[in-house]
Amino acid sequence: MDELSCSRCKRFVKNEKVMIEADGKTIVCEKCLVDSKPAMGKHGKLN
């Protein structure tokens, strides 16, 4: 599990903070996570 790539921007994330979604497979890098925070609130899909 050394080659992680963000499921949103498809960028490889090595020594970065990543969030792994509840399914355990979906990886989101911090950059996309920050970008998506306002959008997530609109859909009401915060776990």
PDB file of N, CA and C in Angstrom:
ATOM      1  N   MET A   1       0.830  -1.208   0.000  1.00  0.00           N
ATOM      2  CA  MET A   1       0.000   0.000   0.000  1.00  0.00           C
ATOM      3  C   MET A   1       0.861   1.254   0.000  1.00  0.00           C
ATOM      4  N   ASP A   2       1.942   1.239  -0.787  1.00  0.00           N
ATOM      5  CA  ASP A   2       2.802   2.422  -0.799  1.00  0.00           C
ATOM      6  C   ASP A   2       2.402   3.380  -1.909  1.00  0.00           C
ATOM      7  N   GLU A   3       1.692   2.898  -2.930  1.00  0.00           N
ATOM      8  CA  GLU A   3       1.261   3.769  -4.028  1.00  0.00           C
ATOM      9  C   GLU A   3      -0.223   4.091  -3.877  1.00  0.00           C
ATOM     10  N   LEU A   4      -0.511   5.129  -3.136  1.00  0.00           N
ATOM     11  CA  LEU A   4      -1.895   5.535  -2.956  1.00  0.00           C
ATOM     12  C   LEU A   4      -2.197   6.656  -3.934  1.00  0.00           C
ATOM     13  N   SER A   5      -3.357   6.604  -4.533  1.00  0.00           N
ATOM     14  CA  SER A   5      -3.751   7.716  -5.388  1.00  0.00           C
ATOM     15  C   SER A   5      -5.129   8.201  -4.967  1.00  0.00           C
ATOM     16  N   CYS A   6      -5.296   9.493  -5.052  1.00  0.00           N
ATOM     17  CA  CYS A   6      -6.560  10.103  -4.664  1.00  0.00           C
ATOM     18  C   CYS A   6      -7.643   9.699  -5.652  1.00  0.00           C
ATOM     19  N   SER A   7      -8.792   9.325  -5.132  1.00  0.00           N
ATOM     20  CA  SER A   7      -9.867   8.872  -6.009  1.00  0.00           C
ATOM     21  C   SER A   7     -10.525  10.027  -6.750  1.00  0.00           C
ATOM     22  N   ARG A   8     -10.267  11.261  -6.311  1.00  0.00           N
ATOM     23  CA  ARG A   8     -10.895  12.401  -6.984  1.00  0.00           C
ATOM     24  C   ARG A   8      -9.980  13.028  -8.027  1.00  0.00           C
ATOM     25  N   CYS A   9      -8.753  13.364  -7.630  1.00  0.00           N
ATOM     26  CA  CYS A   9      -7.874  14.054  -8.578  1.00  0.00           C
ATOM     27  C   CYS A   9      -6.887  13.100  -9.249  1.00  0.00           C
ATOM     28  N   LYS A  10      -6.901  11.813  -8.853  1.00  0.00           N
ATOM     29  CA  LYS A  10      -6.053  10.768  -9.446  1.00  0.00           C
ATOM     30  C   LYS A  10      -4.560  11.017  -9.265  1.00  0.00           C
ATOM     31  N   ARG A  11      -4.224  11.946  -8.356  1.00  0.00           N
ATOM     32  CA  ARG A  11      -2.840  12.277  -8.083  1.00  0.00           C
ATOM     33  C   ARG A  11      -2.278  11.262  -7.095  1.00  0.00           C
ATOM     34  N   PHE A  12      -1.028  10.864  -7.273  1.00  0.00           N
ATOM     35  CA  PHE A  12      -0.430   9.958  -6.296  1.00  0.00           C
ATOM     36  C   PHE A  12      -0.099  10.735  -5.039  1.00  0.00           C
ATOM     37  N   VAL A  13      -0.505  10.197  -3.911  1.00  0.00           N
ATOM     38  CA  VAL A  13      -0.235  10.848  -2.636  1.00  0.00           C
ATOM     39  C   VAL A  13       0.670   9.934  -1.828  1.00  0.00           C
ATOM     40  N   LYS A  14       1.873  10.426  -1.542  1.00  0.00           N
ATOM     41  CA  LYS A  14       2.814   9.573  -0.826  1.00  0.00           C
ATOM     42  C   LYS A  14       2.873   9.932   0.645  1.00  0.00           C
ATOM     43  N   ASN A  15       3.555  10.998   0.983  1.00  0.00           N
ATOM     44  CA  ASN A  15       3.709  11.347   2.391  1.00  0.00           C
ATOM     45  C   ASN A  15       2.773  12.491   2.752  1.00  0.00           C
ATOM     46  N   GLU A  16       1.516  12.305   2.422  1.00  0.00           N
ATOM     47  CA  GLU A  16       0.523  13.330   2.704  1.00  0.00           C
ATOM     48  C   GLU A  16      -0.553  12.758   3.595  1.00  0.00           C
ATOM     49  N   LYS A  17      -1.294  13.650   4.209  1.00  0.00           N
ATOM     50  CA  LYS A  17      -2.459  13.198   4.966  1.00  0.00           C
ATOM     51  C   LYS A  17      -3.541  12.830   3.965  1.00  0.00           C
ATOM     52  N   VAL A  18      -4.061  11.638   4.103  1.00  0.00           N
ATOM     53  CA  VAL A  18      -5.173  11.236   3.253  1.00  0.00           C
ATOM     54  C   VAL A  18      -6.313  10.765   4.136  1.00  0.00           C
ATOM     55  N   MET A  19      -7.505  10.867   3.616  1.00  0.00           N
ATOM     56  CA  MET A  19      -8.660  10.341   4.335  1.00  0.00           C
ATOM     57  C   MET A  19      -9.155   9.122   3.586  1.00  0.00           C
ATOM     58  N   ILE A  20      -9.377   8.043   4.304  1.00  0.00           N
ATOM     59  CA  ILE A  20      -9.914   6.840   3.676  1.00  0.00           C
ATOM     60  C   ILE A  20     -11.393   6.769   4.015  1.00  0.00           C
ATOM     61  N   GLU A  21     -12.200   6.663   2.966  1.00  0.00           N
ATOM     62  CA  GLU A  21     -13.644   6.655   3.141  1.00  0.00           C
ATOM     63  C   GLU A  21     -14.092   5.398   3.878  1.00  0.00           C
ATOM     64  N   ALA A  22     -15.356   5.366   4.235  1.00  0.00           N
ATOM     65  CA  ALA A  22     -15.900   4.272   5.048  1.00  0.00           C
ATOM     66  C   ALA A  22     -15.758   2.911   4.363  1.00  0.00           C
ATOM     67  N   ASP A  23     -15.732   2.892   3.036  1.00  0.00           N
ATOM     68  CA  ASP A  23     -15.610   1.593   2.346  1.00  0.00           C
ATOM     69  C   ASP A  23     -14.197   1.020   2.427  1.00  0.00           C
ATOM     70  N   GLY A  24     -13.244   1.847   2.903  1.00  0.00           N
ATOM     71  CA  GLY A  24     -11.891   1.360   3.103  1.00  0.00           C
ATOM     72  C   GLY A  24     -11.039   1.346   1.845  1.00  0.00           C
ATOM     73  N   LYS A  25     -11.613   1.704   0.702  1.00  0.00           N
ATOM     74  CA  LYS A  25     -10.867   1.680  -0.555  1.00  0.00           C
ATOM     75  C   LYS A  25     -10.709   3.063  -1.153  1.00  0.00           C
ATOM     76  N   THR A  26     -11.676   3.917  -0.900  1.00  0.00           N
ATOM     77  CA  THR A  26     -11.664   5.240  -1.513  1.00  0.00           C
ATOM     78  C   THR A  26     -10.746   6.167  -0.732  1.00  0.00           C
ATOM     79  N   ILE A  27      -9.738   6.673  -1.400  1.00  0.00           N
ATOM     80  CA  ILE A  27      -8.767   7.542  -0.753  1.00  0.00           C
ATOM     81  C   ILE A  27      -8.918   8.956  -1.291  1.00  0.00           C
ATOM     82  N   VAL A  28      -8.991   9.904  -0.383  1.00  0.00           N
ATOM     83  CA  VAL A  28      -9.130  11.294  -0.774  1.00  0.00           C
ATOM     84  C   VAL A  28      -7.989  12.078  -0.146  1.00  0.00           C
ATOM     85  N   CYS A  29      -7.238  12.802  -0.964  1.00  0.00           N
ATOM     86  CA  CYS A  29      -6.123  13.574  -0.424  1.00  0.00           C
ATOM     87  C   CYS A  29      -6.645  14.821   0.277  1.00  0.00           C
ATOM     88  N   GLU A  30      -5.789  15.400   1.093  1.00  0.00           N
ATOM     89  CA  GLU A  30      -6.204  16.543   1.906  1.00  0.00           C
ATOM     90  C   GLU A  30      -6.658  17.711   1.038  1.00  0.00           C
ATOM     91  N   LYS A  31      -6.002  17.891  -0.100  1.00  0.00           N
ATOM     92  CA  LYS A  31      -6.348  18.990  -0.994  1.00  0.00           C
ATOM     93  C   LYS A  31      -7.793  18.857  -1.490  1.00  0.00           C
ATOM     94  N   CYS A  32      -8.144  17.661  -1.942  1.00  0.00           N
ATOM     95  CA  CYS A  32      -9.511  17.447  -2.423  1.00  0.00           C
ATOM     96  C   CYS A  32     -10.504  17.518  -1.277  1.00  0.00           C
ATOM     97  N   LEU A  33     -10.081  17.048  -0.115  1.00  0.00           N
ATOM     98  CA  LEU A  33     -10.954  17.071   1.043  1.00  0.00           C
ATOM     99  C   LEU A  33     -11.310  18.509   1.403  1.00  0.00           C
ATOM    100  N   VAL A  34     -10.316  19.385   1.399  1.00  0.00           N
ATOM    101  CA  VAL A  34     -10.547  20.794   1.705  1.00  0.00           C
ATOM    102  C   VAL A  34     -11.423  21.419   0.630  1.00  0.00           C
ATOM    103  N   ASP A  35     -11.153  21.082  -0.633  1.00  0.00           N
ATOM    104  CA  ASP A  35     -11.935  21.630  -1.745  1.00  0.00           C
ATOM    105  C   ASP A  35     -13.402  21.211  -1.663  1.00  0.00           C
ATOM    106  N   SER A  36     -13.654  20.004  -1.154  1.00  0.00           N
ATOM    107  CA  SER A  36     -15.000  19.461  -1.215  1.00  0.00           C
ATOM    108  C   SER A  36     -15.825  19.754   0.036  1.00  0.00           C
ATOM    109  N   LYS A  37     -15.214  20.348   1.054  1.00  0.00           N
ATOM    110  CA  LYS A  37     -15.959  20.552   2.300  1.00  0.00           C
ATOM    111  C   LYS A  37     -17.229  21.385   2.128  1.00  0.00           C
ATOM    112  N   PRO A  38     -17.189  22.522   1.445  1.00  0.00           N
ATOM    113  CA  PRO A  38     -18.434  23.284   1.279  1.00  0.00           C
ATOM    114  C   PRO A  38     -19.473  22.512   0.473  1.00  0.00           C
ATOM    115  N   ALA A  39     -19.042  21.780  -0.528  1.00  0.00           N
ATOM    116  CA  ALA A  39     -19.961  21.021  -1.369  1.00  0.00           C
ATOM    117  C   ALA A  39     -20.622  19.891  -0.571  1.00  0.00           C
ATOM    118  N   MET A  40     -19.833  19.238   0.283  1.00  0.00           N
ATOM    119  CA  MET A  40     -20.369  18.147   1.092  1.00  0.00           C
ATOM    120  C   MET A  40     -21.501  18.635   1.987  1.00  0.00           C
ATOM    121  N   GLY A  41     -21.321  19.837   2.541  1.00  0.00           N
ATOM    122  CA  GLY A  41     -22.339  20.383   3.421  1.00  0.00           C
ATOM    123  C   GLY A  41     -23.678  20.561   2.720  1.00  0.00           C
ATOM    124  N   LYS A  42     -23.630  20.952   1.458  1.00  0.00           N
ATOM    125  CA  LYS A  42     -24.853  21.165   0.688  1.00  0.00           C
ATOM    126  C   LYS A  42     -25.641  19.868   0.523  1.00  0.00           C
ATOM    127  N   HIS A  43     -24.909  18.775   0.288  1.00  0.00           N
ATOM    128  CA  HIS A  43     -25.583  17.492   0.073  1.00  0.00           C
ATOM    129  C   HIS A  43     -25.960  16.809   1.386  1.00  0.00           C
ATOM    130  N   GLY A  44     -25.411  17.310   2.490  1.00  0.00           N
ATOM    131  CA  GLY A  44     -25.706  16.714   3.781  1.00  0.00           C
ATOM    132  C   GLY A  44     -25.181  15.303   3.917  1.00  0.00           C
ATOM    133  N   LYS A  45     -24.006  15.041   3.312  1.00  0.00           N
ATOM    134  CA  LYS A  45     -23.472  13.684   3.309  1.00  0.00           C
ATOM    135  C   LYS A  45     -22.225  13.553   4.180  1.00  0.00           C
ATOM    136  N   LEU A  46     -22.195  14.215   5.300  1.00  0.00           N
ATOM    137  CA  LEU A  46     -21.041  14.072   6.183  1.00  0.00           C
ATOM    138  C   LEU A  46     -21.275  12.893   7.105  1.00  0.00           C
ATOM    139  N   ASN A  47     -20.259  12.015   7.224  1.00  0.00           N
ATOM    140  CA  ASN A  47     -20.449  10.881   8.131  1.00  0.00           C
ATOM    141  C   ASN A  47     -19.903  11.274   9.483  1.00  0.00           C
TER     142      ASN A  47
END
